[in-house]
Amino acid sequence: MSTNLSGQGQDRPELQKAIEELAESGFAGIQLRVNDEQGEWVGSAGVRELGQSAKPLTNGHFRIGSSTKNFVATSVLMLVAEGRIGLDAPADDYLPEFGLDRRITVRMLLQHTSGIFNHTGELYEDGTIVLGVPWQGKEWVDNRFKTYLPEELVRLSLSKPTRFAPGTGWSYANTNYVLARLVVEKVTGRSFAEELQRLILGPLGMTGTVAPGASPEIPEPHNHGYYRYEDAGQERTVDVTRQNPSWVGAGGDMISTTKDLHTYFSALMGGRLLPAEMLAEMRTPEATIGYGLGVFAQETEGGTVFHHNGATMGSAALMYGTPDGSKTLTAGLTWVDDADLSIAPAFQTAQQRFVDAVFCGKLGR
């Protein structure tokens, strides 16, 4: 089920074998797109829908989870380049209604160094868990069409103790990006979806990408994602392809396709969206975990690779690229999710397998 769309590439059975093995490891469906010196390769494995035999689409829409953060960061940096946002200005200058700590800058929001409590909950070093917005089990399933306003998510975060003083640590928090997106809307006077269209989607001709806000809809065609949970001692599995993503907001609510993610990430890495100095800011990693401004830098045997993957209930995205954007790997994965996140080991394996195969030349493994 592989197609070569470039005419100059070749059949790549090792990539097809990799996605088929991964589908067997627990994913319902995988769609993979690789663009490199051999051309473009597109393939899929698994099923489009549980209980059906149809193969997954190779360019269907899917929820991209935290890959959303990279789009938000790029939008902010494009507005910095336009002179409308100060990267090192206090976020409070743009959003005075929250009474944010004046030491928190826009840069800290993008780099997860603000210290703000994550509204989707926190796991502390000593094993303590502090819950935020519900996103697991029957409680999430029953409320999966509920709308949360971004302001609600921010106020929930600000009602909890901070993780550390601004700029003194690193902690991944979806709320940082809820705030960053609010900054975009405040300085432009337009919705994020409108700014995304003006800054990125329109110029790049991306027609499969959506910032849905509180809409539970996903454009056709698409593969299906599922959620398994306990209800009164019974295990139930429901189709959660339609879900309201406002609980995570700008931390992970967008929808895209493998083709659009390739178009976007190759343009971003290739310097076609951000001025050189802004791209350099984005790609400069902090020391803790190698996170720049909305992007991870990963050192591999094949050199530095930039990425921001993402996962949400029953759906995930992979988005990788070389520093010049000439080689990208984009993928959409669907599965039966659960409160224990039992897909996590297979998701880790998938990421490593694809990076090894595409960026490190380890095709035979």
Protein backbone atom coordinates (compact mmCIF):
# COMPACT_ATOMS: atom_id res chain seq x y z
CA MET A 1 0.00 0.00 0.00
CA SER A 2 2.81 2.40 -0.86
CA THR A 3 2.69 4.97 -3.58
CA ASN A 4 5.49 6.97 -5.03
CA LEU A 5 4.24 10.38 -5.98
CA SER A 6 7.46 12.01 -7.16
CA GLY A 7 8.29 9.73 -10.05
CA GLN A 8 11.98 9.94 -9.17
CA GLY A 9 11.94 7.93 -5.97
CA GLN A 10 11.72 4.21 -5.60
CA ASP A 11 9.72 1.59 -3.83
CA ARG A 12 10.97 1.42 -0.24
CA PRO A 13 9.92 -1.91 1.24
CA GLU A 14 11.87 -1.23 4.44
CA LEU A 15 9.58 1.71 5.26
CA GLN A 16 6.47 -0.33 4.49
CA LYS A 17 7.81 -3.16 6.68
CA ALA A 18 8.46 -0.70 9.53
CA ILE A 19 4.92 0.69 9.52
CA GLU A 20 3.35 -2.76 9.22
CA GLU A 21 5.33 -3.99 12.23
CA LEU A 22 4.37 -0.89 14.20
CA ALA A 23 0.70 -1.34 13.30
CA GLU A 24 0.95 -4.84 14.75
CA SER A 25 2.50 -3.44 17.95
CA GLY A 26 -0.71 -1.68 18.95
CA PHE A 27 -1.66 1.05 16.48
CA ALA A 28 -4.93 0.86 14.60
CA GLY A 29 -3.64 2.84 11.64
CA ILE A 30 -0.42 4.54 10.51
CA GLN A 31 0.07 6.93 7.61
CA LEU A 32 3.66 7.88 6.83
CA ARG A 33 5.18 10.40 4.41
CA VAL A 34 8.93 10.69 3.81
CA ASN A 35 10.47 13.39 1.64
CA ASP A 36 14.21 13.09 1.03
CA GLU A 37 16.86 12.78 -1.67
CA GLN A 38 15.07 9.72 -3.04
CA GLY A 39 11.87 11.71 -3.63
CA GLU A 40 8.57 11.32 -1.79
CA TRP A 41 7.33 8.06 -0.35
CA VAL A 42 3.85 7.66 1.11
CA GLY A 43 2.43 4.55 2.73
CA SER A 44 -0.08 3.28 5.27
CA ALA A 45 -0.63 0.19 7.41
CA GLY A 46 -3.30 -1.16 9.73
CA VAL A 47 -6.96 -0.25 9.34
CA ARG A 48 -8.88 2.95 8.79
CA GLU A 49 -11.60 1.91 11.24
CA LEU A 50 -11.80 -0.91 13.81
CA GLY A 51 -13.76 -3.90 12.57
CA GLN A 52 -13.36 -2.81 8.94
CA SER A 53 -10.80 -4.02 6.44
CA ALA A 54 -10.18 -0.71 4.64
CA LYS A 55 -6.55 0.40 4.78
CA PRO A 56 -5.82 3.74 6.45
CA LEU A 57 -5.75 6.78 4.21
CA THR A 58 -2.31 8.08 3.31
CA ASN A 59 -3.35 11.73 3.50
CA GLY A 60 -6.32 11.72 5.86
CA HIS A 61 -6.94 14.37 8.49
CA PHE A 62 -5.88 13.64 12.06
CA ARG A 63 -5.49 15.42 15.38
CA ILE A 64 -1.88 16.52 15.78
CA GLY A 65 -1.79 17.09 19.55
CA SER A 66 1.23 19.05 20.74
CA SER A 67 2.62 19.55 17.23
CA THR A 68 0.15 22.46 17.49
CA LYS A 69 2.69 24.22 19.73
CA ASN A 70 5.11 24.62 16.85
CA PHE A 71 2.47 26.41 14.76
CA VAL A 72 1.71 28.73 17.67
CA ALA A 73 5.42 29.46 18.24
CA THR A 74 5.96 30.20 14.54
CA SER A 75 2.95 32.53 14.51
CA VAL A 76 4.29 34.41 17.55
CA LEU A 77 7.77 34.72 16.02
CA MET A 78 6.33 35.97 12.72
CA LEU A 79 4.54 38.69 14.70
CA VAL A 80 7.80 39.44 16.54
CA ALA A 81 9.39 39.86 13.10
CA GLU A 82 6.53 42.22 12.16
CA GLY A 83 7.34 44.29 15.25
CA ARG A 84 4.01 43.57 16.94
CA ILE A 85 5.21 41.37 19.81
CA GLY A 86 8.36 41.73 21.91
CA LEU A 87 9.96 38.33 22.46
CA ASP A 88 11.46 39.45 25.76
CA ALA A 89 8.57 41.69 26.79
CA PRO A 90 6.52 40.70 29.85
CA ALA A 91 3.50 38.63 28.76
CA ASP A 92 1.58 40.79 31.23
CA ASP A 93 2.01 43.75 28.83
CA TYR A 94 -0.32 41.96 26.38
CA LEU A 95 -2.60 40.15 28.84
CA PRO A 96 -2.96 42.46 31.85
CA GLU A 97 -6.28 40.83 32.83
CA PHE A 98 -4.53 37.82 34.40
CA GLY A 99 -2.09 39.63 36.68
CA LEU A 100 0.80 37.46 35.47
CA ASP A 101 4.16 37.65 37.20
CA ARG A 102 5.94 40.53 35.40
CA ARG A 103 9.08 38.40 35.10
CA ILE A 104 7.33 35.99 32.69
CA THR A 105 8.28 36.94 29.13
CA VAL A 106 6.77 35.83 25.83
CA ARG A 107 9.97 33.83 25.24
CA MET A 108 9.45 31.93 28.51
CA LEU A 109 5.96 30.92 27.40
CA LEU A 110 7.33 29.49 24.16
CA GLN A 111 10.23 27.76 25.90
CA HIS A 112 8.27 26.35 28.89
CA THR A 113 10.45 28.25 31.36
CA SER A 114 7.67 30.36 32.91
CA GLY A 115 7.10 28.05 35.89
CA ILE A 116 3.32 28.25 35.42
CA PHE A 117 1.32 25.20 36.59
CA ASN A 118 0.15 23.05 33.69
CA HIS A 119 -3.66 23.20 33.52
CA THR A 120 -3.82 19.56 32.40
CA GLY A 121 -2.14 18.50 35.66
CA GLU A 122 1.34 18.13 37.07
CA LEU A 123 3.51 15.21 38.13
CA TYR A 124 6.05 16.35 40.68
CA GLU A 125 9.53 14.90 41.22
CA ASP A 126 8.41 13.15 44.42
CA GLY A 127 5.63 11.33 42.56
CA THR A 128 2.83 13.65 43.72
CA ILE A 129 0.16 14.22 41.07
CA VAL A 130 -1.91 17.40 41.12
CA LEU A 131 -4.90 17.17 38.81
CA GLY A 132 -6.06 19.89 36.46
CA VAL A 133 -8.72 19.74 33.76
CA PRO A 134 -10.04 16.15 33.55
CA TRP A 135 -8.69 14.30 30.50
CA GLN A 136 -8.76 10.64 31.46
CA GLY A 137 -11.19 7.79 31.89
CA LYS A 138 -14.97 7.92 32.05
CA GLU A 139 -14.94 11.53 33.26
CA TRP A 140 -13.26 12.68 30.05
CA VAL A 141 -15.42 10.44 27.84
CA ASP A 142 -18.62 11.79 29.40
CA ASN A 143 -17.41 15.37 28.94
CA ARG A 144 -15.63 15.05 25.62
CA PHE A 145 -17.87 17.63 23.95
CA LYS A 146 -17.55 20.17 26.78
CA THR A 147 -16.17 23.61 25.92
CA TYR A 148 -13.50 25.24 28.06
CA LEU A 149 -12.65 28.87 27.45
CA PRO A 150 -8.91 29.65 27.25
CA GLU A 151 -9.37 32.15 30.09
CA GLU A 152 -10.75 29.35 32.29
CA LEU A 153 -7.67 27.23 31.65
CA VAL A 154 -5.34 30.11 32.49
CA ARG A 155 -7.21 30.96 35.69
CA LEU A 156 -7.12 27.30 36.75
CA SER A 157 -3.34 27.32 36.30
CA LEU A 158 -2.86 30.58 38.14
CA SER A 159 -4.89 29.26 41.10
CA LYS A 160 -2.18 26.62 41.69
CA PRO A 161 1.36 27.07 43.05
CA THR A 162 4.02 27.84 40.44
CA ARG A 163 6.65 25.19 39.68
CA PHE A 164 9.57 27.61 40.03
CA ALA A 165 10.46 31.29 39.66
CA PRO A 166 10.19 32.46 36.03
CA GLY A 167 13.28 31.60 33.99
CA THR A 168 14.89 29.36 36.61
CA GLY A 169 13.73 25.94 35.38
CA TRP A 170 12.01 24.02 32.60
CA SER A 171 8.60 22.37 32.83
CA TYR A 172 6.32 21.46 29.92
CA ALA A 173 2.97 23.19 30.41
CA ASN A 174 0.14 23.41 27.91
CA THR A 175 -0.93 26.65 29.60
CA ASN A 176 2.16 28.44 28.28
CA TYR A 177 0.77 27.99 24.79
CA VAL A 178 -2.78 28.91 25.75
CA LEU A 179 -1.28 32.22 26.89
CA ALA A 180 0.92 32.57 23.78
CA ARG A 181 -2.10 32.12 21.53
CA LEU A 182 -4.04 34.70 23.54
CA VAL A 183 -1.14 37.12 22.98
CA VAL A 184 -1.48 36.56 19.21
CA GLU A 185 -5.20 37.27 19.36
CA LYS A 186 -4.77 40.32 21.58
CA VAL A 187 -2.14 42.07 19.43
CA THR A 188 -3.84 41.30 16.10
CA GLY A 189 -7.46 41.69 17.17
CA ARG A 190 -8.21 38.54 15.17
CA SER A 191 -8.83 34.91 16.00
CA PHE A 192 -5.85 32.58 15.94
CA ALA A 193 -7.45 30.67 13.07
CA GLU A 194 -7.56 33.88 11.01
CA GLU A 195 -3.95 34.78 11.81
CA LEU A 196 -2.81 31.23 11.06
CA GLN A 197 -4.47 31.54 7.66
CA ARG A 198 -2.81 34.91 6.97
CA LEU A 199 0.65 33.97 8.21
CA ILE A 200 1.09 30.32 7.27
CA LEU A 201 -1.75 28.36 5.70
CA GLY A 202 -2.57 30.83 2.91
CA PRO A 203 1.00 31.60 1.82
CA LEU A 204 1.95 27.90 1.81
CA GLY A 205 -1.28 26.69 0.17
CA MET A 206 -2.10 24.40 3.10
CA THR A 207 -5.74 23.36 2.78
CA GLY A 208 -5.88 20.38 5.17
CA THR A 209 -4.97 22.17 8.39
CA VAL A 210 -7.54 23.45 10.89
CA ALA A 211 -7.41 25.33 14.21
CA PRO A 212 -10.82 24.05 15.37
CA GLY A 213 -11.32 26.07 18.56
CA ALA A 214 -14.12 24.29 20.41
CA SER A 215 -15.54 22.45 17.38
CA PRO A 216 -15.52 18.65 17.75
CA GLU A 217 -15.61 18.12 13.99
CA ILE A 218 -12.75 16.77 11.89
CA PRO A 219 -12.75 17.22 8.11
CA GLU A 220 -13.30 14.23 5.86
CA PRO A 221 -11.61 12.01 4.97
CA HIS A 222 -9.99 10.71 8.15
CA ASN A 223 -8.93 7.58 9.98
CA HIS A 224 -10.59 6.77 13.32
CA GLY A 225 -9.25 7.01 16.87
CA TYR A 226 -10.68 5.26 19.93
CA TYR A 227 -10.72 5.33 23.71
CA ARG A 228 -11.06 2.39 26.11
CA TYR A 229 -12.31 2.99 29.67
CA GLU A 230 -14.00 1.39 32.66
CA ASP A 231 -17.65 2.06 33.31
CA ALA A 232 -19.29 0.35 36.32
CA GLY A 233 -16.79 -2.50 36.12
CA GLN A 234 -17.27 -2.96 32.37
CA GLU A 235 -14.61 -2.14 29.79
CA ARG A 236 -15.99 0.00 26.98
CA THR A 237 -14.41 1.29 23.78
CA VAL A 238 -15.78 4.37 22.02
CA ASP A 239 -14.90 6.16 18.80
CA VAL A 240 -13.45 9.54 19.85
CA THR A 241 -12.56 10.83 16.39
CA ARG A 242 -15.05 13.62 17.10
CA GLN A 243 -14.09 15.39 20.34
CA ASN A 244 -13.96 18.95 21.60
CA PRO A 245 -10.25 19.77 22.00
CA SER A 246 -10.75 22.98 24.00
CA TRP A 247 -9.60 21.23 27.22
CA VAL A 248 -6.03 21.37 25.91
CA GLY A 249 -6.53 24.49 23.79
CA ALA A 250 -3.46 25.86 22.06
CA GLY A 251 -1.41 23.16 23.78
CA GLY A 252 -2.67 20.59 21.26
CA ASP A 253 -5.96 21.21 19.47
CA MET A 254 -5.07 21.42 15.76
CA ILE A 255 -5.85 19.03 12.88
CA SER A 256 -3.68 18.44 9.82
CA THR A 257 -2.50 15.92 7.20
CA THR A 258 0.91 14.37 6.50
CA LYS A 259 1.16 16.44 3.31
CA ASP A 260 0.42 19.73 5.06
CA LEU A 261 2.83 18.94 7.90
CA HIS A 262 5.54 18.23 5.32
CA THR A 263 4.77 21.46 3.42
CA TYR A 264 4.86 23.44 6.64
CA PHE A 265 7.91 21.95 8.33
CA SER A 266 10.06 21.92 5.20
CA ALA A 267 9.19 25.61 4.65
CA LEU A 268 9.87 26.48 8.30
CA MET A 269 13.21 24.66 8.48
CA GLY A 270 14.17 25.90 5.01
CA GLY A 271 13.86 29.52 6.13
CA ARG A 272 10.77 30.38 4.10
CA LEU A 273 8.57 31.49 7.03
CA LEU A 274 10.83 33.15 9.58
CA PRO A 275 13.70 35.61 9.11
CA ALA A 276 17.06 33.94 9.83
CA GLU A 277 17.45 35.54 13.27
CA MET A 278 14.00 34.40 14.37
CA LEU A 279 14.60 30.86 13.11
CA ALA A 280 17.87 30.85 15.04
CA GLU A 281 15.99 31.92 18.20
CA MET A 282 13.45 29.13 17.67
CA ARG A 283 16.15 26.50 17.24
CA THR A 284 18.34 27.49 20.20
CA PRO A 285 17.63 24.80 22.81
CA GLU A 286 17.60 25.33 26.56
CA ALA A 287 19.90 23.01 28.46
CA THR A 288 17.43 20.77 30.31
CA ILE A 289 15.81 18.80 27.53
CA GLY A 290 16.83 20.51 24.30
CA TYR A 291 13.65 22.54 23.78
CA GLY A 292 13.88 25.69 21.70
CA LEU A 293 10.89 27.94 21.10
CA GLY A 294 8.25 25.39 20.21
CA VAL A 295 10.64 22.80 18.80
CA PHE A 296 12.88 20.00 20.08
CA ALA A 297 16.46 19.65 18.85
CA GLN A 298 17.59 16.00 18.74
CA GLU A 299 21.14 14.89 18.04
CA THR A 300 21.23 11.70 15.94
CA GLU A 301 23.93 9.71 14.17
CA GLY A 302 22.77 11.46 11.02
CA GLY A 303 23.13 14.96 12.53
CA THR A 304 20.71 17.35 14.22
CA VAL A 305 17.01 16.75 13.62
CA PHE A 306 14.29 19.17 14.70
CA HIS A 307 10.82 17.97 15.66
CA HIS A 308 7.65 18.51 17.59
CA ASN A 309 5.51 15.42 17.85
CA GLY A 310 2.13 15.35 19.50
CA ALA A 311 -0.54 13.02 20.82
CA THR A 312 -4.10 13.38 22.01
CA MET A 313 -6.86 10.83 22.63
CA GLY A 314 -6.54 8.13 19.98
CA SER A 315 -4.46 10.22 17.56
CA ALA A 316 -0.88 11.39 17.17
CA ALA A 317 1.42 13.23 14.81
CA LEU A 318 5.10 12.93 14.01
CA MET A 319 6.84 15.93 12.42
CA TYR A 320 10.60 15.79 11.86
CA GLY A 321 12.96 17.71 9.62
CA THR A 322 16.62 18.36 8.90
CA PRO A 323 17.94 21.89 9.56
CA ASP A 324 17.57 22.87 5.89
CA GLY A 325 14.13 21.28 5.50
CA SER A 326 15.28 19.08 2.63
CA LYS A 327 14.38 15.89 4.46
CA THR A 328 11.16 15.49 6.44
CA LEU A 329 9.19 12.70 8.02
CA THR A 330 5.53 13.29 8.83
CA ALA A 331 3.07 10.72 10.12
CA GLY A 332 -0.42 10.34 11.56
CA LEU A 333 -1.16 7.48 13.95
CA THR A 334 -4.45 6.25 15.39
CA TRP A 335 -5.08 3.70 18.12
CA VAL A 336 -7.28 2.61 21.01
CA ASP A 337 -6.25 4.95 23.82
CA ASP A 338 -6.80 4.48 27.56
CA ALA A 339 -6.24 6.22 30.89
CA ASP A 340 -2.99 4.29 31.44
CA LEU A 341 -1.54 5.62 28.16
CA SER A 342 -0.58 2.05 27.36
CA ILE A 343 0.31 3.00 23.78
CA ALA A 344 3.25 5.07 25.09
CA PRO A 345 5.97 2.40 24.71
CA ALA A 346 4.88 1.61 21.14
CA PHE A 347 4.77 5.36 20.38
CA GLN A 348 8.35 5.74 21.66
CA THR A 349 9.44 2.77 19.55
CA ALA A 350 7.76 4.23 16.47
CA GLN A 351 9.57 7.54 16.86
CA GLN A 352 12.96 5.87 17.29
CA ARG A 353 12.39 3.43 14.44
CA PHE A 354 11.42 6.16 11.98
CA VAL A 355 14.29 8.49 12.97
CA ASP A 356 16.78 5.62 12.64
CA ALA A 357 15.40 4.62 9.23
CA VAL A 358 15.04 8.05 7.66
CA PHE A 359 17.67 10.25 9.30
CA CYS A 360 20.37 7.75 10.32
CA GLY A 361 20.23 5.35 7.37
CA LYS A 362 19.57 2.30 9.57
CA LEU A 363 17.13 0.73 7.17
CA GLY A 364 17.75 -2.90 7.87
CA ARG A 365 16.96 -2.87 11.57
